[in-house]
Amino acid sequence: MQTDFDIAICGAGPVGLALAALLVRHGAAPARIALIDAKTIDQTSRDPRSIALSYGSRQIFEAINAWPITATQINQIHVSRRGHFGRTLIDRAEYDLPALGYVTRYGAMVSALNAHASAIGISLIRPATVSAIAENDVAVTLTFADHEAVHAKIMVQAEGGIFSEQTKKAMYRDYGQTAIVAHVTASAPIAHRAFERFTDEGPLALLPQDDGYALVWCVRPDTAQRLLALNDAEFLQELGAAYGTRLGRFTATTQRNAFPLGLNAEPASSARTIAIGNAAQTLHPVAGQGLNLGLRDASVLARLLARQAEPSALQEFAASRESDRNATIKLTDLMARIFASAPAGTLSQTLLGFSLGVVDGIKPAKNLLAEQMMFGRRS
């Protein structure tokens, strides 16, 4: 096995795979790039999770010939506050775009990206678990539990898997919220329209997918336990009460799963290592910005590292990504904390609902929100 590389990428999820392909597009030699993951591609390809991609992320995939992928497009995004005045409707027609975004499945997306990485000759090391990382003045050494160690000028951590539990805990801010996810169907669906509805306990997102919607319902942990204990009919009734009747009745649901929500926005780095994607920031799912922010990380880092795989490129990356990263984190963090920490019906929640109506009537503000969601803060 080859053991000497210019760049080693830990994490062959969508962000790591996109980074590898973008490096080659910008002129890096594929044989000098190692892409490492603990799972086989067969394991990853079976992952059924629904993922929201912005139009800007589609452009990144197009640049590496990894588009089209199987996805449902989002033409409109409807943002509202349950039981209060105020809403914002963002429509692709206002921005002359074929779509605002897309909903796909994690496994399908990674399969397409992995096939492209393999076709262009990137060194794929999987399954392999990194057991130790050592850095000196000229290289980073990655030791594996079941493979020979490899050396690289630069290491990019694209997933959070190799951090110790103690380190993860130190970086993590618990929101005191849980996301319930499932696929649901409704009696009166609106084609290609996504919904983000703020309830008293947190955002409720419905993303168009296949014959229904990918549901992400953020509530407090005790509410989550109660909802998970309901049978399907009772759960759908509760969902209808929280969301309203805009889509008619909710008629069916798949198995529900729950995930605790928090913020990791303190990425570890050194002279020759950098974190991007979920390793750098794990965001609240409000507005669906986590993966899209990670792909923007990959796009900028690839351009800089392809030019020079040295510590100076990592310093330039950190400076150039600060504005977009901070704006996205602050937007999602503010919305999450308003609903996670404030009692239902407080002034902060009421003002947020009112602001949704104001944004819809002030075009520059609406355009700023739409651009942040589709493309991020452009430096």
Protein backbone atom coordinates (compact mmCIF):
# COMPACT_ATOMS: atom_id res chain seq x y z
CA MET A 1 0.00 0.00 0.00
CA GLN A 2 1.21 3.51 -0.82
CA THR A 3 2.20 5.30 2.41
CA ASP A 4 3.36 8.77 1.32
CA PHE A 5 0.87 11.48 0.27
CA ASP A 6 0.54 15.21 -0.05
CA ILE A 7 -2.94 15.33 1.47
CA ALA A 8 -4.73 12.80 3.68
CA ILE A 9 -8.50 13.29 4.11
CA CYS A 10 -10.08 11.53 7.10
CA GLY A 11 -13.74 10.95 6.34
CA ALA A 12 -15.17 9.77 3.01
CA GLY A 13 -18.57 11.32 3.50
CA PRO A 14 -19.88 13.90 1.02
CA VAL A 15 -17.57 16.68 2.25
CA GLY A 16 -14.41 14.56 2.19
CA LEU A 17 -15.23 13.02 -1.19
CA ALA A 18 -16.06 16.42 -2.69
CA LEU A 19 -12.80 17.86 -1.37
CA ALA A 20 -10.77 15.06 -2.98
CA ALA A 21 -12.49 15.49 -6.35
CA LEU A 22 -12.17 19.28 -6.22
CA LEU A 23 -8.45 18.99 -5.48
CA VAL A 24 -8.00 17.00 -8.68
CA ARG A 25 -10.12 19.49 -10.62
CA HIS A 26 -7.79 22.27 -9.47
CA GLY A 27 -4.69 20.36 -10.61
CA ALA A 28 -3.62 18.15 -7.69
CA ALA A 29 -2.33 14.69 -8.61
CA PRO A 30 -4.96 12.10 -7.62
CA ALA A 31 -2.29 9.56 -6.60
CA ARG A 32 -1.03 12.08 -4.00
CA ILE A 33 -4.42 12.22 -2.23
CA ALA A 34 -5.49 9.63 0.37
CA LEU A 35 -9.15 9.37 1.29
CA ILE A 36 -9.69 7.38 4.51
CA ASP A 37 -12.91 6.08 6.06
CA ALA A 38 -13.86 3.55 8.73
CA LYS A 39 -16.81 2.18 6.73
CA THR A 40 -16.99 0.28 3.46
CA ILE A 41 -18.79 1.95 0.57
CA ASP A 42 -21.47 -0.77 0.78
CA GLN A 43 -22.20 0.20 4.38
CA THR A 44 -22.38 3.89 3.56
CA SER A 45 -24.48 3.46 0.42
CA ARG A 46 -27.28 1.88 2.48
CA ASP A 47 -27.65 4.98 4.68
CA PRO A 48 -31.27 6.15 4.12
CA ARG A 49 -31.05 9.57 5.79
CA SER A 50 -32.57 12.50 3.91
CA ILE A 51 -30.20 15.37 3.15
CA ALA A 52 -30.97 18.90 1.95
CA LEU A 53 -28.65 20.36 -0.69
CA SER A 54 -28.65 24.04 -1.62
CA TYR A 55 -28.40 25.19 -5.23
CA GLY A 56 -24.85 26.30 -4.45
CA SER A 57 -24.01 22.71 -3.45
CA ARG A 58 -25.39 21.47 -6.77
CA GLN A 59 -22.94 23.82 -8.51
CA ILE A 60 -20.08 22.25 -6.54
CA PHE A 61 -21.20 18.76 -7.58
CA GLU A 62 -21.50 19.88 -11.20
CA ALA A 63 -17.92 21.14 -11.10
CA ILE A 64 -16.68 17.61 -10.31
CA ASN A 65 -19.06 15.80 -12.71
CA ALA A 66 -21.04 14.28 -9.81
CA TRP A 67 -24.40 15.70 -10.88
CA PRO A 68 -27.17 14.76 -11.52
CA ILE A 69 -28.00 12.55 -8.55
CA THR A 70 -31.39 11.15 -7.60
CA ALA A 71 -33.11 14.02 -5.79
CA THR A 72 -36.37 15.94 -5.40
CA GLN A 73 -36.01 19.62 -6.20
CA ILE A 74 -37.20 22.45 -3.97
CA ASN A 75 -38.75 25.33 -5.93
CA GLN A 76 -40.16 27.26 -2.97
CA ILE A 77 -39.37 27.60 0.73
CA HIS A 78 -42.21 28.68 3.03
CA VAL A 79 -41.13 29.92 6.47
CA SER A 80 -43.77 30.66 9.12
CA ARG A 81 -44.58 30.82 12.82
CA ARG A 82 -47.36 28.49 14.05
CA GLY A 83 -50.34 30.48 15.36
CA HIS A 84 -48.79 33.90 14.72
CA PHE A 85 -48.74 36.53 11.99
CA GLY A 86 -45.73 36.58 9.70
CA ARG A 87 -44.32 34.39 6.97
CA THR A 88 -41.67 34.45 4.24
CA LEU A 89 -41.97 32.72 0.85
CA ILE A 90 -38.79 32.31 -1.18
CA ASP A 91 -39.40 31.28 -4.79
CA ARG A 92 -36.86 30.14 -7.38
CA ALA A 93 -38.53 32.38 -9.99
CA GLU A 94 -37.42 35.47 -8.07
CA TYR A 95 -33.78 34.45 -8.54
CA ASP A 96 -33.97 32.95 -12.05
CA LEU A 97 -32.78 29.54 -10.84
CA PRO A 98 -33.93 26.03 -11.80
CA ALA A 99 -34.34 25.22 -8.08
CA LEU A 100 -33.54 26.63 -4.65
CA GLY A 101 -32.28 23.28 -3.47
CA TYR A 102 -32.74 19.52 -3.51
CA VAL A 103 -33.57 16.65 -1.16
CA THR A 104 -31.65 13.44 -1.61
CA ARG A 105 -30.56 10.44 0.44
CA TYR A 106 -27.15 10.30 2.04
CA GLY A 107 -26.34 6.88 0.65
CA ALA A 108 -27.18 7.81 -2.95
CA MET A 109 -25.12 10.99 -2.75
CA VAL A 110 -22.05 9.27 -1.29
CA SER A 111 -22.27 6.42 -3.82
CA ALA A 112 -22.17 8.89 -6.72
CA LEU A 113 -19.25 10.82 -5.23
CA ASN A 114 -17.33 7.66 -4.36
CA ALA A 115 -17.69 6.30 -7.90
CA HIS A 116 -16.30 9.55 -9.28
CA ALA A 117 -13.35 9.58 -6.82
CA SER A 118 -12.48 6.01 -7.75
CA ALA A 119 -12.72 6.74 -11.48
CA ILE A 120 -10.25 9.62 -11.34
CA GLY A 121 -7.64 7.61 -9.41
CA ILE A 122 -7.82 8.92 -5.85
CA SER A 123 -6.34 6.48 -3.29
CA LEU A 124 -9.29 5.14 -1.27
CA ILE A 125 -8.30 3.53 2.05
CA ARG A 126 -11.41 1.90 3.52
CA PRO A 127 -12.35 0.38 5.85
CA ALA A 128 -9.61 1.80 8.07
CA THR A 129 -9.75 3.32 11.54
CA VAL A 130 -7.21 5.95 12.56
CA SER A 131 -5.85 5.04 16.01
CA ALA A 132 -3.23 7.80 16.41
CA ILE A 133 -2.08 11.02 14.77
CA ALA A 134 1.42 12.48 15.16
CA GLU A 135 2.67 15.73 13.64
CA ASN A 136 6.16 17.14 13.17
CA ASP A 137 7.63 20.05 11.22
CA VAL A 138 7.31 18.37 7.82
CA ALA A 139 4.46 15.85 7.93
CA VAL A 140 1.55 14.23 9.74
CA THR A 141 1.63 10.49 10.45
CA LEU A 142 -1.64 8.58 10.69
CA THR A 143 -1.46 5.20 12.39
CA PHE A 144 -4.19 2.66 11.68
CA ALA A 145 -5.49 -0.17 13.80
CA ASP A 146 -5.29 -2.62 10.90
CA HIS A 147 -3.17 -0.99 8.16
CA GLU A 148 0.34 0.35 7.70
CA ALA A 149 0.77 3.98 8.80
CA VAL A 150 0.65 6.74 6.16
CA HIS A 151 2.35 10.12 6.04
CA ALA A 152 1.05 13.34 4.52
CA LYS A 153 2.11 16.97 4.29
CA ILE A 154 -1.43 18.02 5.25
CA MET A 155 -4.23 16.17 7.05
CA VAL A 156 -7.87 17.25 6.64
CA GLN A 157 -10.38 16.00 9.19
CA ALA A 158 -13.73 15.90 7.35
CA GLU A 159 -15.74 13.97 9.95
CA GLY A 160 -15.83 13.97 13.74
CA GLY A 161 -15.02 10.29 14.25
CA ILE A 162 -11.41 10.45 15.44
CA PHE A 163 -11.89 12.95 18.25
CA SER A 164 -11.87 11.57 21.80
CA GLU A 165 -15.13 11.67 23.74
CA GLN A 166 -13.56 14.17 26.16
CA THR A 167 -12.61 16.49 23.30
CA LYS A 168 -16.06 16.21 21.73
CA LYS A 169 -17.70 17.08 25.05
CA ALA A 170 -15.51 20.15 25.47
CA MET A 171 -16.47 21.44 22.00
CA TYR A 172 -20.19 20.66 22.29
CA ARG A 173 -23.03 22.99 23.33
CA ASP A 174 -26.19 21.06 24.21
CA TYR A 175 -29.34 22.83 23.03
CA GLY A 176 -31.66 20.72 25.17
CA GLN A 177 -33.54 19.74 22.01
CA THR A 178 -34.14 16.50 20.16
CA ALA A 179 -34.86 16.07 16.44
CA ILE A 180 -37.46 13.50 15.44
CA VAL A 181 -36.97 12.39 11.83
CA ALA A 182 -39.22 10.30 9.59
CA HIS A 183 -40.81 10.28 6.14
CA VAL A 184 -44.47 11.32 6.17
CA THR A 185 -47.22 11.69 3.58
CA ALA A 186 -50.07 14.20 3.49
CA SER A 187 -53.49 14.30 1.85
CA ALA A 188 -52.90 17.64 0.05
CA PRO A 189 -49.17 17.95 -0.70
CA ILE A 190 -47.80 21.01 -2.49
CA ALA A 191 -45.26 19.88 -5.08
CA HIS A 192 -41.67 21.03 -4.66
CA ARG A 193 -42.41 23.36 -1.73
CA ALA A 194 -40.40 23.00 1.49
CA PHE A 195 -41.75 24.23 4.82
CA GLU A 196 -39.94 25.53 7.88
CA ARG A 197 -42.47 26.16 10.63
CA PHE A 198 -41.49 27.49 14.05
CA THR A 199 -43.48 25.91 16.86
CA ASP A 200 -43.35 26.70 20.57
CA GLU A 201 -40.54 24.17 21.11
CA GLY A 202 -38.51 24.50 17.93
CA PRO A 203 -38.55 24.37 14.13
CA LEU A 204 -40.55 21.78 12.22
CA ALA A 205 -39.23 21.18 8.70
CA LEU A 206 -41.02 19.33 5.90
CA LEU A 207 -38.86 18.76 2.82
CA PRO A 208 -40.47 17.42 -0.37
CA GLN A 209 -39.17 13.95 -1.18
CA ASP A 210 -40.60 11.21 -3.38
CA ASP A 211 -44.32 10.91 -2.62
CA GLY A 212 -44.23 12.84 0.66
CA TYR A 213 -41.97 14.79 2.97
CA ALA A 214 -38.79 14.26 4.95
CA LEU A 215 -39.74 15.41 8.45
CA VAL A 216 -37.33 17.03 10.93
CA TRP A 217 -39.27 18.02 14.06
CA CYS A 218 -37.25 19.70 16.83
CA VAL A 219 -38.73 19.51 20.32
CA ARG A 220 -37.59 19.34 23.93
CA PRO A 221 -36.36 15.92 25.10
CA ASP A 222 -39.39 15.10 27.27
CA THR A 223 -41.72 15.92 24.37
CA ALA A 224 -39.61 13.75 22.07
CA GLN A 225 -39.95 10.76 24.39
CA ARG A 226 -43.71 11.23 24.52
CA LEU A 227 -43.98 11.50 20.71
CA LEU A 228 -41.84 8.42 20.16
CA ALA A 229 -44.09 6.40 22.47
CA LEU A 230 -47.23 7.17 20.43
CA ASN A 231 -48.58 4.84 17.80
CA ASP A 232 -48.54 6.07 14.19
CA ALA A 233 -52.10 7.43 14.18
CA GLU A 234 -51.52 9.34 17.44
CA PHE A 235 -48.19 10.70 16.20
CA LEU A 236 -49.71 11.93 12.93
CA GLN A 237 -52.48 13.64 14.87
CA GLU A 238 -49.91 15.43 17.06
CA LEU A 239 -47.93 16.42 13.96
CA GLY A 240 -51.05 17.90 12.40
CA ALA A 241 -51.79 19.86 15.58
CA ALA A 242 -48.25 21.30 15.61
CA TYR A 243 -48.05 22.04 11.89
CA GLY A 244 -51.60 22.99 10.89
CA THR A 245 -53.75 22.08 7.92
CA ARG A 246 -51.89 23.67 5.00
CA LEU A 247 -51.10 20.19 3.63
CA GLY A 248 -54.40 18.63 4.64
CA ARG A 249 -54.09 15.62 6.95
CA PHE A 250 -50.91 13.66 7.57
CA THR A 251 -51.77 10.15 6.47
CA ALA A 252 -48.72 7.91 7.00
CA THR A 253 -45.29 7.84 8.61
CA THR A 254 -42.24 5.62 8.50
CA GLN A 255 -40.39 4.53 11.63
CA ARG A 256 -39.40 7.52 13.72
CA ASN A 257 -35.85 8.12 14.95
CA ALA A 258 -34.56 10.73 17.39
CA PHE A 259 -31.24 12.57 17.70
CA PRO A 260 -30.05 15.02 20.39
CA LEU A 261 -29.15 18.46 19.03
CA GLY A 262 -26.18 20.63 19.87
CA LEU A 263 -23.51 22.92 18.45
CA ASN A 264 -19.86 22.06 17.86
CA ALA A 265 -18.18 25.20 16.55
CA GLU A 266 -14.69 24.97 18.01
CA PRO A 267 -12.69 22.94 15.48
CA ALA A 268 -9.30 21.58 16.44
CA SER A 269 -6.41 22.59 14.14
CA SER A 270 -2.63 22.78 14.02
CA ALA A 271 0.07 23.83 11.58
CA ARG A 272 -0.57 20.85 9.28
CA THR A 273 -4.12 19.78 10.17
CA ILE A 274 -7.47 21.43 9.52
CA ALA A 275 -11.09 20.46 10.18
CA ILE A 276 -13.98 21.03 7.78
CA GLY A 277 -17.59 19.92 7.55
CA ASN A 278 -19.00 18.14 10.60
CA ALA A 279 -15.55 17.96 12.18
CA ALA A 280 -15.44 21.76 12.21
CA GLN A 281 -19.05 22.57 12.96
CA THR A 282 -22.07 20.44 13.83
CA LEU A 283 -25.06 22.74 13.47
CA HIS A 284 -28.69 22.70 14.50
CA PRO A 285 -30.75 21.46 11.51
CA VAL A 286 -32.81 24.68 11.33
CA ALA A 287 -32.51 25.99 7.72
CA GLY A 288 -30.63 22.81 6.69
CA GLN A 289 -27.22 24.48 6.44
CA GLY A 290 -24.78 21.94 7.93
CA LEU A 291 -23.78 19.94 4.83
CA ASN A 292 -23.93 22.98 2.57
CA LEU A 293 -21.53 24.90 4.81
CA GLY A 294 -19.17 21.90 4.77
CA LEU A 295 -19.22 21.71 0.98
CA ARG A 296 -18.36 25.41 0.79
CA ASP A 297 -15.44 24.66 3.11
CA ALA A 298 -14.29 21.95 0.71
CA SER A 299 -14.59 24.21 -2.33
CA VAL A 300 -12.33 26.90 -0.87
CA LEU A 301 -9.83 24.52 0.73
CA ALA A 302 -9.37 22.53 -2.49
CA ARG A 303 -8.43 25.63 -4.45
CA LEU A 304 -5.83 26.66 -1.86
CA LEU A 305 -4.29 23.22 -1.22
CA ALA A 306 -4.05 22.35 -4.93
CA ARG A 307 -1.83 25.40 -5.31
CA GLN A 308 0.38 24.57 -2.31
CA ALA A 309 -0.06 21.72 0.19
CA GLU A 310 1.62 23.63 3.00
CA PRO A 311 0.59 25.25 6.33
CA SER A 312 0.27 28.67 4.68
CA ALA A 313 -2.72 27.37 2.69
CA LEU A 314 -4.48 26.36 5.91
CA GLN A 315 -3.94 29.82 7.39
CA GLU A 316 -5.39 31.45 4.28
CA PHE A 317 -8.34 29.05 4.38
CA ALA A 318 -9.20 29.93 7.99
CA ALA A 319 -9.20 33.65 7.21
CA SER A 320 -11.23 33.35 3.99
CA ARG A 321 -13.94 31.14 5.54
CA GLU A 322 -14.46 33.16 8.72
CA SER A 323 -17.26 35.41 7.42
CA ASP A 324 -19.48 32.69 5.89
CA ARG A 325 -18.87 30.28 8.74
CA ASN A 326 -19.65 32.81 11.47
CA ALA A 327 -22.77 34.11 9.69
CA THR A 328 -24.19 30.61 9.21
CA ILE A 329 -23.40 29.47 12.75
CA LYS A 330 -24.89 32.62 14.31
CA LEU A 331 -28.07 32.35 12.21
CA THR A 332 -28.76 28.73 13.15
CA ASP A 333 -27.60 29.14 16.75
CA LEU A 334 -29.84 32.16 17.37
CA MET A 335 -32.94 30.44 16.02
CA ALA A 336 -32.21 27.28 18.00
CA ARG A 337 -31.61 29.06 21.31
CA ILE A 338 -34.74 31.20 21.04
CA PHE A 339 -36.92 28.08 21.06
CA ALA A 340 -34.75 25.81 23.19
CA SER A 341 -34.36 28.17 26.14
CA ALA A 342 -37.40 30.47 26.11
CA PRO A 343 -40.82 29.45 27.44
CA ALA A 344 -43.55 29.17 24.82
CA GLY A 345 -45.08 32.49 23.77
CA THR A 346 -42.30 34.72 25.13
CA LEU A 347 -41.42 38.06 23.55
CA SER A 348 -38.35 36.66 21.75
CA GLN A 349 -40.48 34.03 20.01
CA THR A 350 -43.16 36.58 19.13
CA LEU A 351 -40.56 38.96 17.67
CA LEU A 352 -39.08 36.17 15.54
CA GLY A 353 -42.52 35.43 14.11
CA PHE A 354 -43.07 39.12 13.40
CA SER A 355 -39.67 39.37 11.70
CA LEU A 356 -40.69 36.67 9.21
CA GLY A 357 -43.43 38.96 7.88
CA VAL A 358 -41.10 41.96 7.80
CA VAL A 359 -38.45 40.05 5.82
CA ASP A 360 -41.03 39.03 3.22
CA GLY A 361 -41.93 42.70 2.62
CA ILE A 362 -38.39 44.08 2.45
CA LYS A 363 -36.72 42.75 -0.70
CA PRO A 364 -33.06 43.44 0.26
CA ALA A 365 -33.53 41.58 3.56
CA LYS A 366 -35.30 38.71 1.81
CA ASN A 367 -32.58 38.51 -0.84
CA LEU A 368 -29.90 38.42 1.87
CA LEU A 369 -31.65 35.51 3.62
CA ALA A 370 -32.14 33.63 0.35
CA GLU A 371 -28.52 34.10 -0.73
CA GLN A 372 -27.23 32.92 2.64
CA MET A 373 -29.33 29.76 2.37
CA MET A 374 -28.38 29.03 -1.26
CA PHE A 375 -24.78 30.19 -1.51
CA GLY A 376 -23.50 31.27 1.93
CA ARG A 377 -21.78 34.53 2.84
CA ARG A 378 -19.51 35.47 -0.05
CA SER A 379 -16.26 37.11 0.93
